């Protein structure tokens, strides 16, 4: 994480220092929709580079690299698509595994836990998860879907922190732990508080999500 975050920061610094705000770049920034689905028109008459890139959102890096490298925008778009496909592949399999577990525990219909005779995979859960993802991708605004996913992850990690407190207090020494978080229960309590704070603040970023 230290290496990756440092690289991201350095790339951002170099990118902001190397970009020239051209009329085409400025026009693209003014026409780009925000995460909330409204067209941005509040750029100042002579905006700074960081304002233009910020308004471009996820396309900012691609537009910036286009000024620095031949076919830079195309390269960034292709790598973004490939990384998104890899992430989508992992998400599909992980969500199908959750569906299988819920079916196995009789929370979902039992058909979710069916295992393919030849491939030994929860094929019903895989097909239903993939179908749900495809329907959402086609019928809903992707920016809002992404924002809702971020919010769900926040609430998921909130539950993880709560579960740590509950398990440690109810089972105590009955379990063999591979790792014990220090300063219990303050660390999970801080985790719960920060996740709640971020989730509430997220309403300002994307009310629909």
N, C-alpha and C. Protein backbone atom coordinates (compact mmCIF):
# COMPACT_ATOMS: atom_id res chain seq x y z
N UNK A 1 0.83 -1.20 0.00
CA UNK A 1 0.00 0.00 0.00
C UNK A 1 0.86 1.26 0.00
N UNK A 2 1.94 1.24 0.77
CA UNK A 2 2.83 2.41 0.83
C UNK A 2 3.42 2.70 -0.55
N UNK A 3 3.87 1.64 -1.24
CA UNK A 3 4.46 1.82 -2.57
C UNK A 3 3.42 2.30 -3.57
N UNK A 4 2.23 1.68 -3.56
CA UNK A 4 1.20 2.01 -4.54
C UNK A 4 0.69 3.43 -4.34
N UNK A 5 0.40 3.79 -3.08
CA UNK A 5 -0.12 5.14 -2.81
C UNK A 5 0.93 6.19 -3.17
N UNK A 6 2.19 5.92 -2.85
CA UNK A 6 3.25 6.86 -3.20
C UNK A 6 3.34 7.05 -4.72
N UNK A 7 3.24 5.96 -5.46
CA UNK A 7 3.28 6.06 -6.93
C UNK A 7 2.10 6.87 -7.46
N UNK A 8 0.92 6.63 -6.90
CA UNK A 8 -0.26 7.38 -7.33
C UNK A 8 -0.06 8.88 -7.11
N UNK A 9 0.45 9.24 -5.93
CA UNK A 9 0.66 10.66 -5.62
C UNK A 9 1.68 11.28 -6.57
N UNK A 10 2.80 10.55 -6.81
CA UNK A 10 3.83 11.08 -7.69
C UNK A 10 3.33 11.23 -9.13
N UNK A 11 2.54 10.24 -9.58
CA UNK A 11 1.96 10.33 -10.93
C UNK A 11 1.03 11.54 -11.02
N UNK A 12 0.24 11.76 -9.97
CA UNK A 12 -0.65 12.91 -9.96
C UNK A 12 0.10 14.23 -10.01
N UNK A 13 1.19 14.33 -9.24
CA UNK A 13 1.99 15.56 -9.23
C UNK A 13 2.60 15.82 -10.61
N UNK A 14 3.18 14.78 -11.21
CA UNK A 14 3.79 14.93 -12.54
C UNK A 14 2.73 15.29 -13.57
N UNK A 15 1.58 14.65 -13.49
CA UNK A 15 0.52 14.90 -14.46
C UNK A 15 0.04 16.34 -14.39
N UNK A 16 -0.21 16.84 -13.18
CA UNK A 16 -0.68 18.21 -13.03
C UNK A 16 0.37 19.22 -13.49
N UNK A 17 1.63 18.87 -13.31
CA UNK A 17 2.68 19.79 -13.72
C UNK A 17 2.94 19.79 -15.21
N UNK A 18 2.53 18.73 -15.90
CA UNK A 18 2.86 18.60 -17.33
C UNK A 18 1.71 18.95 -18.26
N UNK A 19 0.49 19.08 -17.71
CA UNK A 19 -0.67 19.31 -18.58
C UNK A 19 -0.79 20.79 -18.93
N UNK A 20 -1.19 21.02 -20.16
CA UNK A 20 -1.56 22.36 -20.62
C UNK A 20 -3.06 22.41 -20.84
N UNK A 21 -3.72 23.39 -20.28
CA UNK A 21 -5.17 23.51 -20.44
C UNK A 21 -5.45 24.09 -21.82
N UNK A 22 -5.83 23.22 -22.74
CA UNK A 22 -6.16 23.63 -24.11
C UNK A 22 -7.65 23.91 -24.22
N UNK A 23 -8.08 24.61 -25.27
CA UNK A 23 -9.52 24.84 -25.46
C UNK A 23 -10.32 23.54 -25.54
N UNK A 24 -9.76 22.51 -26.21
CA UNK A 24 -10.47 21.23 -26.31
C UNK A 24 -10.62 20.58 -24.94
N UNK A 25 -9.56 20.63 -24.12
CA UNK A 25 -9.62 20.05 -22.79
C UNK A 25 -10.63 20.79 -21.92
N UNK A 26 -10.65 22.09 -22.04
CA UNK A 26 -11.59 22.90 -21.25
C UNK A 26 -13.02 22.63 -21.67
N UNK A 27 -13.24 22.50 -22.97
CA UNK A 27 -14.59 22.20 -23.46
C UNK A 27 -15.05 20.83 -22.99
N UNK A 28 -14.12 19.85 -23.00
CA UNK A 28 -14.48 18.50 -22.52
C UNK A 28 -14.84 18.52 -21.03
N UNK A 29 -14.12 19.31 -20.26
CA UNK A 29 -14.39 19.40 -18.82
C UNK A 29 -15.76 20.03 -18.56
N UNK A 30 -16.10 21.07 -19.33
CA UNK A 30 -17.38 21.73 -19.12
C UNK A 30 -18.55 20.83 -19.51
N UNK A 31 -18.31 19.90 -20.45
CA UNK A 31 -19.40 19.04 -20.93
C UNK A 31 -19.51 17.73 -20.17
N UNK A 32 -18.56 17.44 -19.28
CA UNK A 32 -18.56 16.16 -18.59
C UNK A 32 -19.58 16.17 -17.46
N UNK A 33 -20.36 15.08 -17.36
CA UNK A 33 -21.34 14.95 -16.28
C UNK A 33 -20.65 14.56 -14.99
N UNK A 34 -21.20 15.06 -13.90
CA UNK A 34 -20.68 14.70 -12.58
C UNK A 34 -21.27 13.38 -12.14
N UNK A 35 -20.85 12.90 -10.96
CA UNK A 35 -21.37 11.63 -10.43
C UNK A 35 -22.86 11.71 -10.16
N UNK A 36 -23.35 12.93 -9.89
CA UNK A 36 -24.78 13.08 -9.62
C UNK A 36 -25.63 13.17 -10.87
N UNK A 37 -25.02 13.18 -12.04
CA UNK A 37 -25.77 13.19 -13.28
C UNK A 37 -26.13 14.57 -13.79
N UNK A 38 -25.53 15.64 -13.25
CA UNK A 38 -25.81 16.99 -13.72
C UNK A 38 -24.60 17.53 -14.47
N UNK A 39 -24.84 18.30 -15.50
CA UNK A 39 -23.76 18.86 -16.29
C UNK A 39 -23.04 19.95 -15.52
N UNK A 40 -21.73 19.90 -15.51
CA UNK A 40 -20.93 20.86 -14.75
C UNK A 40 -20.77 22.13 -15.58
N UNK A 41 -21.13 23.25 -15.00
CA UNK A 41 -20.99 24.52 -15.71
C UNK A 41 -20.32 25.57 -14.83
N UNK A 42 -19.83 25.18 -13.66
CA UNK A 42 -19.33 26.15 -12.70
C UNK A 42 -17.81 26.30 -12.72
N UNK A 43 -17.16 25.91 -13.81
CA UNK A 43 -15.73 26.15 -13.92
C UNK A 43 -15.49 27.66 -14.08
N UNK A 44 -14.47 28.19 -13.43
CA UNK A 44 -14.18 29.62 -13.62
C UNK A 44 -13.69 29.90 -15.04
N UNK A 45 -13.64 31.17 -15.37
CA UNK A 45 -13.25 31.56 -16.73
C UNK A 45 -11.83 31.12 -17.05
N UNK A 46 -10.93 31.20 -16.07
CA UNK A 46 -9.54 30.79 -16.27
C UNK A 46 -9.17 29.74 -15.22
N UNK A 47 -9.64 28.49 -15.39
CA UNK A 47 -9.47 27.48 -14.35
C UNK A 47 -8.04 26.97 -14.27
N UNK A 48 -7.70 26.50 -13.08
CA UNK A 48 -6.40 25.86 -12.89
C UNK A 48 -6.45 24.43 -13.44
N UNK A 49 -5.28 23.84 -13.61
CA UNK A 49 -5.21 22.48 -14.17
C UNK A 49 -5.99 21.50 -13.31
N UNK A 50 -5.82 21.60 -11.98
CA UNK A 50 -6.47 20.63 -11.11
C UNK A 50 -7.98 20.74 -11.17
N UNK A 51 -8.51 21.95 -11.43
CA UNK A 51 -9.95 22.10 -11.57
C UNK A 51 -10.47 21.42 -12.83
N UNK A 52 -9.72 21.58 -13.92
CA UNK A 52 -10.13 20.96 -15.19
C UNK A 52 -10.08 19.44 -15.08
N UNK A 53 -8.98 18.91 -14.55
CA UNK A 53 -8.85 17.46 -14.42
C UNK A 53 -9.90 16.91 -13.46
N UNK A 54 -10.17 17.65 -12.39
CA UNK A 54 -11.19 17.21 -11.44
C UNK A 54 -12.57 17.13 -12.06
N UNK A 55 -12.90 18.09 -12.91
CA UNK A 55 -14.20 18.07 -13.58
C UNK A 55 -14.29 16.95 -14.60
N UNK A 56 -13.16 16.55 -15.16
CA UNK A 56 -13.16 15.45 -16.12
C UNK A 56 -13.38 14.10 -15.44
N UNK A 57 -13.18 14.05 -14.12
CA UNK A 57 -13.43 12.82 -13.39
C UNK A 57 -12.52 11.70 -13.83
N UNK A 58 -13.11 10.52 -14.06
CA UNK A 58 -12.31 9.35 -14.41
C UNK A 58 -11.64 9.47 -15.77
N UNK A 59 -12.10 10.42 -16.61
CA UNK A 59 -11.48 10.62 -17.91
C UNK A 59 -10.32 11.61 -17.85
N UNK A 60 -10.10 12.20 -16.69
CA UNK A 60 -9.04 13.19 -16.57
C UNK A 60 -7.67 12.63 -16.85
N UNK A 61 -7.37 11.46 -16.29
CA UNK A 61 -6.07 10.84 -16.50
C UNK A 61 -5.86 10.50 -17.97
N UNK A 62 -6.91 9.95 -18.60
CA UNK A 62 -6.79 9.58 -20.02
C UNK A 62 -6.54 10.80 -20.89
N UNK A 63 -7.27 11.89 -20.62
CA UNK A 63 -7.08 13.11 -21.40
C UNK A 63 -5.68 13.69 -21.17
N UNK A 64 -5.21 13.63 -19.93
CA UNK A 64 -3.91 14.19 -19.60
C UNK A 64 -2.78 13.41 -20.27
N UNK A 65 -2.85 12.08 -20.20
CA UNK A 65 -1.81 11.26 -20.80
C UNK A 65 -1.79 11.44 -22.31
N UNK A 66 -2.94 11.78 -22.90
CA UNK A 66 -2.99 12.04 -24.33
C UNK A 66 -2.11 13.20 -24.73
N UNK A 67 -1.85 14.14 -23.82
CA UNK A 67 -0.94 15.25 -24.11
C UNK A 67 0.53 14.85 -23.95
N UNK A 68 0.78 13.81 -23.17
CA UNK A 68 2.15 13.46 -22.82
C UNK A 68 2.72 12.34 -23.67
N UNK A 69 1.87 11.45 -24.17
CA UNK A 69 2.35 10.29 -24.93
C UNK A 69 1.55 10.15 -26.22
N UNK A 70 2.18 9.67 -27.28
CA UNK A 70 1.42 9.34 -28.49
C UNK A 70 0.41 8.24 -28.18
N UNK A 71 -0.82 8.43 -28.59
CA UNK A 71 -1.91 7.48 -28.32
C UNK A 71 -2.09 7.24 -26.82
N UNK A 72 -1.71 8.21 -26.00
CA UNK A 72 -1.80 8.03 -24.55
C UNK A 72 -3.22 7.80 -24.07
N UNK A 73 -4.18 8.56 -24.62
CA UNK A 73 -5.58 8.41 -24.20
C UNK A 73 -6.07 7.01 -24.53
N UNK A 74 -5.75 6.50 -25.71
CA UNK A 74 -6.18 5.16 -26.11
C UNK A 74 -5.56 4.10 -25.19
N UNK A 75 -4.28 4.27 -24.87
CA UNK A 75 -3.61 3.30 -23.99
C UNK A 75 -4.28 3.25 -22.63
N UNK A 76 -4.57 4.43 -22.05
CA UNK A 76 -5.21 4.47 -20.73
C UNK A 76 -6.61 3.86 -20.78
N UNK A 77 -7.35 4.17 -21.85
CA UNK A 77 -8.70 3.61 -21.97
C UNK A 77 -8.67 2.08 -22.08
N UNK A 78 -7.73 1.55 -22.86
CA UNK A 78 -7.63 0.10 -23.02
C UNK A 78 -7.24 -0.57 -21.72
N UNK A 79 -6.25 0.00 -21.01
CA UNK A 79 -5.85 -0.59 -19.73
C UNK A 79 -6.97 -0.48 -18.71
N UNK A 80 -7.74 0.61 -18.77
CA UNK A 80 -8.88 0.75 -17.86
C UNK A 80 -9.94 -0.31 -18.12
N UNK A 81 -10.19 -0.58 -19.41
CA UNK A 81 -11.18 -1.61 -19.75
C UNK A 81 -10.71 -2.98 -19.28
N UNK A 82 -9.43 -3.29 -19.51
CA UNK A 82 -8.90 -4.60 -19.10
C UNK A 82 -8.95 -4.77 -17.58
N UNK A 83 -8.56 -3.71 -16.84
CA UNK A 83 -8.59 -3.82 -15.38
C UNK A 83 -10.03 -3.94 -14.87
N UNK A 84 -10.97 -3.24 -15.55
CA UNK A 84 -12.38 -3.34 -15.16
C UNK A 84 -12.91 -4.74 -15.40
N UNK A 85 -12.51 -5.35 -16.52
CA UNK A 85 -12.95 -6.73 -16.80
C UNK A 85 -12.41 -7.69 -15.75
N UNK A 86 -11.16 -7.50 -15.34
CA UNK A 86 -10.58 -8.37 -14.31
C UNK A 86 -11.32 -8.20 -12.99
N UNK A 87 -11.64 -6.95 -12.64
CA UNK A 87 -12.37 -6.70 -11.40
C UNK A 87 -13.78 -7.26 -11.49
N UNK A 88 -14.42 -7.12 -12.65
CA UNK A 88 -15.77 -7.65 -12.82
C UNK A 88 -15.77 -9.16 -12.71
N UNK A 89 -14.75 -9.80 -13.26
CA UNK A 89 -14.64 -11.26 -13.15
C UNK A 89 -14.57 -11.69 -11.69
N UNK A 90 -13.74 -11.02 -10.90
CA UNK A 90 -13.62 -11.35 -9.47
C UNK A 90 -14.92 -11.08 -8.74
N UNK A 91 -15.60 -9.96 -9.09
CA UNK A 91 -16.86 -9.62 -8.43
C UNK A 91 -17.93 -10.65 -8.73
N UNK A 92 -18.00 -11.10 -9.98
CA UNK A 92 -19.01 -12.09 -10.35
C UNK A 92 -18.82 -13.38 -9.56
N UNK A 93 -17.58 -13.85 -9.46
CA UNK A 93 -17.34 -15.10 -8.75
C UNK A 93 -17.55 -14.94 -7.25
N UNK A 94 -17.14 -13.80 -6.69
CA UNK A 94 -17.32 -13.62 -5.25
C UNK A 94 -18.80 -13.48 -4.90
N UNK A 95 -19.56 -12.76 -5.73
CA UNK A 95 -20.99 -12.61 -5.45
C UNK A 95 -21.72 -13.94 -5.60
N UNK A 96 -21.30 -14.75 -6.56
CA UNK A 96 -21.92 -16.07 -6.71
C UNK A 96 -21.59 -16.98 -5.53
N UNK A 97 -20.39 -16.80 -4.97
CA UNK A 97 -20.02 -17.59 -3.79
C UNK A 97 -20.87 -17.20 -2.58
N UNK A 98 -21.15 -15.90 -2.44
CA UNK A 98 -22.03 -15.44 -1.37
C UNK A 98 -23.43 -16.01 -1.56
N UNK A 99 -23.93 -15.97 -2.81
CA UNK A 99 -25.25 -16.55 -3.09
C UNK A 99 -25.30 -18.03 -2.76
N UNK A 100 -24.22 -18.74 -3.10
CA UNK A 100 -24.16 -20.17 -2.78
C UNK A 100 -24.21 -20.40 -1.27
N UNK A 101 -23.44 -19.61 -0.51
CA UNK A 101 -23.41 -19.77 0.95
C UNK A 101 -24.78 -19.47 1.56
N UNK A 102 -25.45 -18.42 1.06
CA UNK A 102 -26.77 -18.08 1.59
C UNK A 102 -27.80 -19.16 1.24
N UNK A 103 -27.67 -19.74 0.04
CA UNK A 103 -28.54 -20.84 -0.31
C UNK A 103 -28.28 -22.07 0.55
N UNK A 104 -27.01 -22.34 0.82
CA UNK A 104 -26.62 -23.47 1.65
C UNK A 104 -27.13 -23.31 3.08
N UNK A 105 -27.20 -22.06 3.56
CA UNK A 105 -27.68 -21.79 4.92
C UNK A 105 -29.19 -21.55 4.96
N UNK A 106 -29.87 -21.76 3.83
CA UNK A 106 -31.33 -21.62 3.72
C UNK A 106 -31.81 -20.19 3.96
N UNK A 107 -30.95 -19.22 3.70
CA UNK A 107 -31.37 -17.81 3.72
C UNK A 107 -31.94 -17.45 2.35
N UNK A 108 -31.25 -17.87 1.29
CA UNK A 108 -31.75 -17.79 -0.08
C UNK A 108 -32.43 -19.12 -0.42
N UNK A 109 -33.17 -19.18 -1.54
CA UNK A 109 -33.72 -20.48 -1.98
C UNK A 109 -32.61 -21.51 -2.13
N UNK A 110 -32.93 -22.76 -1.86
CA UNK A 110 -31.92 -23.83 -1.86
C UNK A 110 -31.29 -24.05 -3.23
N UNK A 111 -31.98 -23.60 -4.29
CA UNK A 111 -31.44 -23.78 -5.64
C UNK A 111 -30.12 -23.04 -5.81
N UNK A 112 -29.88 -21.98 -5.02
CA UNK A 112 -28.62 -21.25 -5.12
C UNK A 112 -27.42 -22.11 -4.74
N UNK A 113 -27.65 -23.15 -3.96
CA UNK A 113 -26.55 -23.99 -3.49
C UNK A 113 -26.31 -25.21 -4.37
N UNK A 114 -27.02 -25.32 -5.48
CA UNK A 114 -26.83 -26.47 -6.37
C UNK A 114 -25.43 -26.44 -6.99
N UNK A 115 -24.80 -27.60 -7.03
CA UNK A 115 -23.45 -27.74 -7.58
C UNK A 115 -23.52 -28.49 -8.90
N UNK A 116 -22.83 -27.96 -9.90
CA UNK A 116 -22.79 -28.61 -11.21
C UNK A 116 -22.08 -29.95 -11.10
N UNK A 117 -22.69 -30.99 -11.68
CA UNK A 117 -22.16 -32.35 -11.52
C UNK A 117 -20.78 -32.52 -12.11
N UNK A 118 -20.51 -31.86 -13.23
CA UNK A 118 -19.22 -32.03 -13.91
C UNK A 118 -18.19 -31.00 -13.47
N UNK A 119 -18.60 -29.72 -13.39
CA UNK A 119 -17.64 -28.64 -13.10
C UNK A 119 -17.46 -28.34 -11.61
N UNK A 120 -18.36 -28.89 -10.80
CA UNK A 120 -18.29 -28.66 -9.35
C UNK A 120 -18.33 -27.18 -8.98
N UNK A 121 -19.20 -26.43 -9.67
CA UNK A 121 -19.37 -25.00 -9.38
C UNK A 121 -20.84 -24.73 -9.06
N UNK A 122 -21.11 -23.69 -8.26
CA UNK A 122 -22.51 -23.33 -7.97
C UNK A 122 -23.13 -22.61 -9.17
N UNK A 123 -23.48 -23.37 -10.19
CA UNK A 123 -23.83 -22.79 -11.49
C UNK A 123 -25.08 -21.93 -11.43
N UNK A 124 -26.05 -22.29 -10.61
CA UNK A 124 -27.27 -21.48 -10.50
C UNK A 124 -26.93 -20.10 -9.96
N UNK A 125 -26.13 -20.05 -8.92
CA UNK A 125 -25.74 -18.78 -8.32
C UNK A 125 -24.89 -17.95 -9.29
N UNK A 126 -24.01 -18.62 -10.06
CA UNK A 126 -23.17 -17.91 -11.04
C UNK A 126 -24.04 -17.27 -12.12
N UNK A 127 -25.00 -18.03 -12.65
CA UNK A 127 -25.86 -17.52 -13.73
C UNK A 127 -26.72 -16.37 -13.22
N UNK A 128 -27.32 -16.52 -12.03
CA UNK A 128 -28.19 -15.47 -11.50
C UNK A 128 -27.39 -14.21 -11.16
N UNK A 129 -26.19 -14.39 -10.59
CA UNK A 129 -25.35 -13.23 -10.27
C UNK A 129 -24.94 -12.49 -11.53
N UNK A 130 -24.50 -13.25 -12.54
CA UNK A 130 -24.10 -12.63 -13.80
C UNK A 130 -25.25 -11.91 -14.48
N UNK A 131 -26.45 -12.51 -14.42
CA UNK A 131 -27.63 -11.88 -15.01
C UNK A 131 -27.97 -10.58 -14.30
N UNK A 132 -27.92 -10.59 -12.97
CA UNK A 132 -28.21 -9.38 -12.19
C UNK A 132 -27.22 -8.27 -12.51
N UNK A 133 -25.93 -8.61 -12.61
CA UNK A 133 -24.90 -7.63 -12.94
C UNK A 133 -25.14 -7.05 -14.34
N UNK A 134 -25.47 -7.91 -15.30
CA UNK A 134 -25.70 -7.46 -16.67
C UNK A 134 -26.91 -6.53 -16.74
N UNK A 135 -28.00 -6.88 -16.05
CA UNK A 135 -29.21 -6.05 -16.06
C UNK A 135 -28.93 -4.68 -15.46
N UNK A 136 -28.19 -4.66 -14.34
CA UNK A 136 -27.86 -3.38 -13.70
C UNK A 136 -26.96 -2.54 -14.60
N UNK A 137 -26.01 -3.18 -15.28
CA UNK A 137 -25.09 -2.45 -16.14
C UNK A 137 -25.80 -1.80 -17.32
N UNK A 138 -26.85 -2.46 -17.83
CA UNK A 138 -27.56 -1.95 -18.99
C UNK A 138 -28.63 -0.93 -18.60
N UNK A 139 -29.30 -1.15 -17.48
CA UNK A 139 -30.50 -0.36 -17.17
C UNK A 139 -30.26 0.79 -16.21
N UNK A 140 -29.14 0.80 -15.46
CA UNK A 140 -28.92 1.84 -14.45
C UNK A 140 -27.71 2.69 -14.83
N UNK A 141 -27.69 3.96 -14.37
CA UNK A 141 -26.50 4.80 -14.61
C UNK A 141 -25.29 4.20 -13.91
N UNK A 142 -24.23 3.92 -14.66
CA UNK A 142 -23.08 3.22 -14.10
C UNK A 142 -22.41 4.02 -12.98
N UNK A 143 -22.42 5.35 -13.10
CA UNK A 143 -21.82 6.18 -12.05
C UNK A 143 -22.55 5.98 -10.74
N UNK A 144 -23.88 5.86 -10.80
CA UNK A 144 -24.66 5.66 -9.58
C UNK A 144 -24.48 4.25 -9.03
N UNK A 145 -24.34 3.27 -9.93
CA UNK A 145 -24.08 1.90 -9.49
C UNK A 145 -22.74 1.83 -8.76
N UNK A 146 -21.73 2.51 -9.32
CA UNK A 146 -20.41 2.52 -8.69
C UNK A 146 -20.47 3.20 -7.33
N UNK A 147 -21.21 4.31 -7.25
CA UNK A 147 -21.34 5.02 -5.97
C UNK A 147 -22.06 4.15 -4.94
N UNK A 148 -23.11 3.46 -5.37
CA UNK A 148 -23.84 2.57 -4.45
C UNK A 148 -22.94 1.43 -3.98
N UNK A 149 -22.09 0.93 -4.86
CA UNK A 149 -21.15 -0.13 -4.48
C UNK A 149 -20.19 0.36 -3.41
N UNK A 150 -19.68 1.58 -3.57
CA UNK A 150 -18.80 2.15 -2.55
C UNK A 150 -19.50 2.23 -1.20
N UNK A 151 -20.76 2.66 -1.22
CA UNK A 151 -21.51 2.78 0.02
C UNK A 151 -21.73 1.42 0.67
N UNK A 152 -22.02 0.41 -0.16
CA UNK A 152 -22.22 -0.94 0.37
C UNK A 152 -20.94 -1.48 1.02
N UNK A 153 -19.78 -1.17 0.41
CA UNK A 153 -18.52 -1.60 1.00
C UNK A 153 -18.31 -0.94 2.36
N UNK A 154 -18.66 0.33 2.48
CA UNK A 154 -18.54 1.01 3.77
C UNK A 154 -19.38 0.30 4.83
N UNK A 155 -20.63 -0.03 4.47
CA UNK A 155 -21.52 -0.69 5.43
C UNK A 155 -21.05 -2.12 5.71
N UNK A 156 -20.46 -2.76 4.71
CA UNK A 156 -19.91 -4.11 4.92
C UNK A 156 -18.78 -4.08 5.94
N UNK A 157 -17.86 -3.13 5.79
CA UNK A 157 -16.74 -3.04 6.74
C UNK A 157 -17.22 -2.59 8.11
N UNK A 158 -18.30 -1.83 8.17
CA UNK A 158 -18.89 -1.48 9.46
C UNK A 158 -19.34 -2.76 10.17
N UNK A 159 -19.98 -3.66 9.43
CA UNK A 159 -20.44 -4.92 10.03
C UNK A 159 -19.26 -5.79 10.47
N UNK A 160 -18.16 -5.74 9.72
CA UNK A 160 -16.97 -6.50 10.11
C UNK A 160 -16.45 -6.03 11.46
N UNK A 161 -16.41 -4.70 11.66
CA UNK A 161 -15.95 -4.16 12.93
C UNK A 161 -16.90 -4.54 14.07
N UNK A 162 -18.20 -4.49 13.79
CA UNK A 162 -19.17 -4.87 14.81
C UNK A 162 -19.05 -6.36 15.14
N UNK A 163 -18.84 -7.18 14.10
CA UNK A 163 -18.70 -8.63 14.31
C UNK A 163 -17.49 -8.95 15.18
N UNK A 164 -16.41 -8.18 15.00
CA UNK A 164 -15.22 -8.41 15.83
C UNK A 164 -15.54 -8.23 17.31
N UNK A 165 -16.27 -7.17 17.62
CA UNK A 165 -16.64 -6.92 19.02
C UNK A 165 -17.53 -8.04 19.54
N UNK A 166 -18.52 -8.42 18.75
CA UNK A 166 -19.49 -9.43 19.18
C UNK A 166 -18.83 -10.78 19.39
N UNK A 167 -17.98 -11.19 18.45
CA UNK A 167 -17.34 -12.50 18.55
C UNK A 167 -16.38 -12.54 19.74
N UNK A 168 -15.57 -11.52 19.89
CA UNK A 168 -14.60 -11.50 20.99
C UNK A 168 -15.29 -11.50 22.35
N UNK A 169 -16.42 -10.79 22.47
CA UNK A 169 -17.09 -10.70 23.76
C UNK A 169 -17.92 -11.94 24.07
N UNK A 170 -18.51 -12.58 23.05
CA UNK A 170 -19.38 -13.72 23.30
C UNK A 170 -18.61 -15.03 23.35
N UNK A 171 -17.58 -15.17 22.52
CA UNK A 171 -16.85 -16.44 22.45
C UNK A 171 -15.52 -16.37 23.19
N UNK A 172 -14.93 -15.18 23.27
CA UNK A 172 -13.73 -14.99 24.08
C UNK A 172 -12.63 -15.98 23.77
N UNK A 173 -12.30 -16.81 24.75
CA UNK A 173 -11.19 -17.74 24.63
C UNK A 173 -11.60 -19.05 23.95
N UNK A 174 -12.86 -19.20 23.58
CA UNK A 174 -13.31 -20.46 22.98
C UNK A 174 -12.73 -20.66 21.58
N UNK A 175 -12.35 -19.58 20.91
CA UNK A 175 -11.82 -19.68 19.55
C UNK A 175 -10.31 -19.51 19.54
N UNK A 176 -9.69 -20.14 18.55
CA UNK A 176 -8.26 -19.94 18.32
C UNK A 176 -8.11 -18.90 17.23
N UNK A 177 -7.57 -17.74 17.57
CA UNK A 177 -7.49 -16.63 16.63
C UNK A 177 -6.13 -16.64 15.93
N UNK A 178 -6.17 -16.46 14.61
CA UNK A 178 -4.90 -16.33 13.89
C UNK A 178 -4.29 -14.97 14.10
N UNK A 179 -5.14 -13.98 14.38
CA UNK A 179 -4.66 -12.61 14.59
C UNK A 179 -5.63 -11.91 15.53
N UNK A 180 -5.10 -11.20 16.49
CA UNK A 180 -5.90 -10.42 17.42
C UNK A 180 -5.60 -8.94 17.23
N UNK A 181 -6.62 -8.17 16.92
CA UNK A 181 -6.44 -6.73 16.74
C UNK A 181 -6.06 -6.10 18.08
N UNK A 182 -5.09 -5.21 18.09
CA UNK A 182 -4.68 -4.57 19.35
C UNK A 182 -5.70 -3.53 19.80
N UNK A 183 -5.56 -3.12 21.05
CA UNK A 183 -6.38 -2.05 21.63
C UNK A 183 -7.88 -2.30 21.47
N UNK A 184 -8.27 -3.56 21.67
CA UNK A 184 -9.69 -3.92 21.62
C UNK A 184 -10.41 -3.34 22.83
N UNK A 185 -11.62 -2.80 22.71
CA UNK A 185 -12.48 -2.68 21.52
C UNK A 185 -12.38 -1.33 20.82
N UNK A 186 -11.33 -0.55 21.13
CA UNK A 186 -11.29 0.82 20.61
C UNK A 186 -11.09 0.87 19.09
N UNK A 187 -10.26 -0.05 18.56
CA UNK A 187 -10.02 -0.05 17.11
C UNK A 187 -11.32 -0.32 16.35
N UNK A 188 -12.08 -1.38 16.65
CA UNK A 188 -13.35 -1.57 15.91
C UNK A 188 -14.37 -0.46 16.18
N UNK A 189 -14.35 0.12 17.38
CA UNK A 189 -15.29 1.22 17.64
C UNK A 189 -14.97 2.43 16.78
N UNK A 190 -13.67 2.73 16.63
CA UNK A 190 -13.26 3.82 15.74
C UNK A 190 -13.65 3.48 14.30
N UNK A 191 -13.47 2.21 13.92
CA UNK A 191 -13.86 1.77 12.58
C UNK A 191 -15.34 1.98 12.32
N UNK A 192 -16.19 1.61 13.29
CA UNK A 192 -17.63 1.80 13.14
C UNK A 192 -17.96 3.28 13.00
N UNK A 193 -17.34 4.12 13.84
CA UNK A 193 -17.61 5.55 13.79
C UNK A 193 -17.21 6.19 12.48
N UNK A 194 -16.01 5.83 11.98
CA UNK A 194 -15.55 6.44 10.73
C UNK A 194 -16.37 5.96 9.54
N UNK A 195 -16.79 4.69 9.54
CA UNK A 195 -17.62 4.20 8.44
C UNK A 195 -18.98 4.90 8.43
N UNK A 196 -19.56 5.11 9.61
CA UNK A 196 -20.84 5.81 9.68
C UNK A 196 -20.68 7.25 9.19
N UNK A 197 -19.60 7.88 9.61
CA UNK A 197 -19.36 9.27 9.21
C UNK A 197 -19.22 9.38 7.69
N UNK A 198 -18.44 8.46 7.09
CA UNK A 198 -18.26 8.48 5.64
C UNK A 198 -19.56 8.17 4.90
N UNK A 199 -20.35 7.23 5.46
CA UNK A 199 -21.61 6.88 4.81
C UNK A 199 -22.58 8.05 4.81
N UNK A 200 -22.64 8.78 5.93
CA UNK A 200 -23.52 9.95 5.99
C UNK A 200 -23.01 11.04 5.05
N UNK A 201 -21.69 11.26 5.04
CA UNK A 201 -21.12 12.27 4.15
C UNK A 201 -21.34 11.91 2.68
N UNK A 202 -21.44 10.60 2.40
CA UNK A 202 -21.62 10.14 1.03
C UNK A 202 -22.92 10.67 0.44
N UNK A 203 -23.89 10.99 1.31
CA UNK A 203 -25.17 11.52 0.82
C UNK A 203 -24.96 12.81 0.03
N UNK A 204 -23.98 13.63 0.45
CA UNK A 204 -23.69 14.87 -0.28
C UNK A 204 -23.09 14.58 -1.66
N UNK A 205 -22.41 13.45 -1.76
CA UNK A 205 -21.73 13.09 -3.01
C UNK A 205 -22.68 12.47 -4.01
N UNK A 206 -23.55 11.58 -3.53
CA UNK A 206 -24.49 10.89 -4.43
C UNK A 206 -25.75 10.51 -3.65
N UNK A 207 -26.74 11.40 -3.61
CA UNK A 207 -27.98 11.11 -2.86
C UNK A 207 -28.68 9.85 -3.35
N UNK A 208 -28.68 9.61 -4.66
CA UNK A 208 -29.38 8.44 -5.19
C UNK A 208 -28.76 7.15 -4.68
N UNK A 209 -27.43 7.09 -4.65
CA UNK A 209 -26.75 5.89 -4.13
C UNK A 209 -27.12 5.68 -2.66
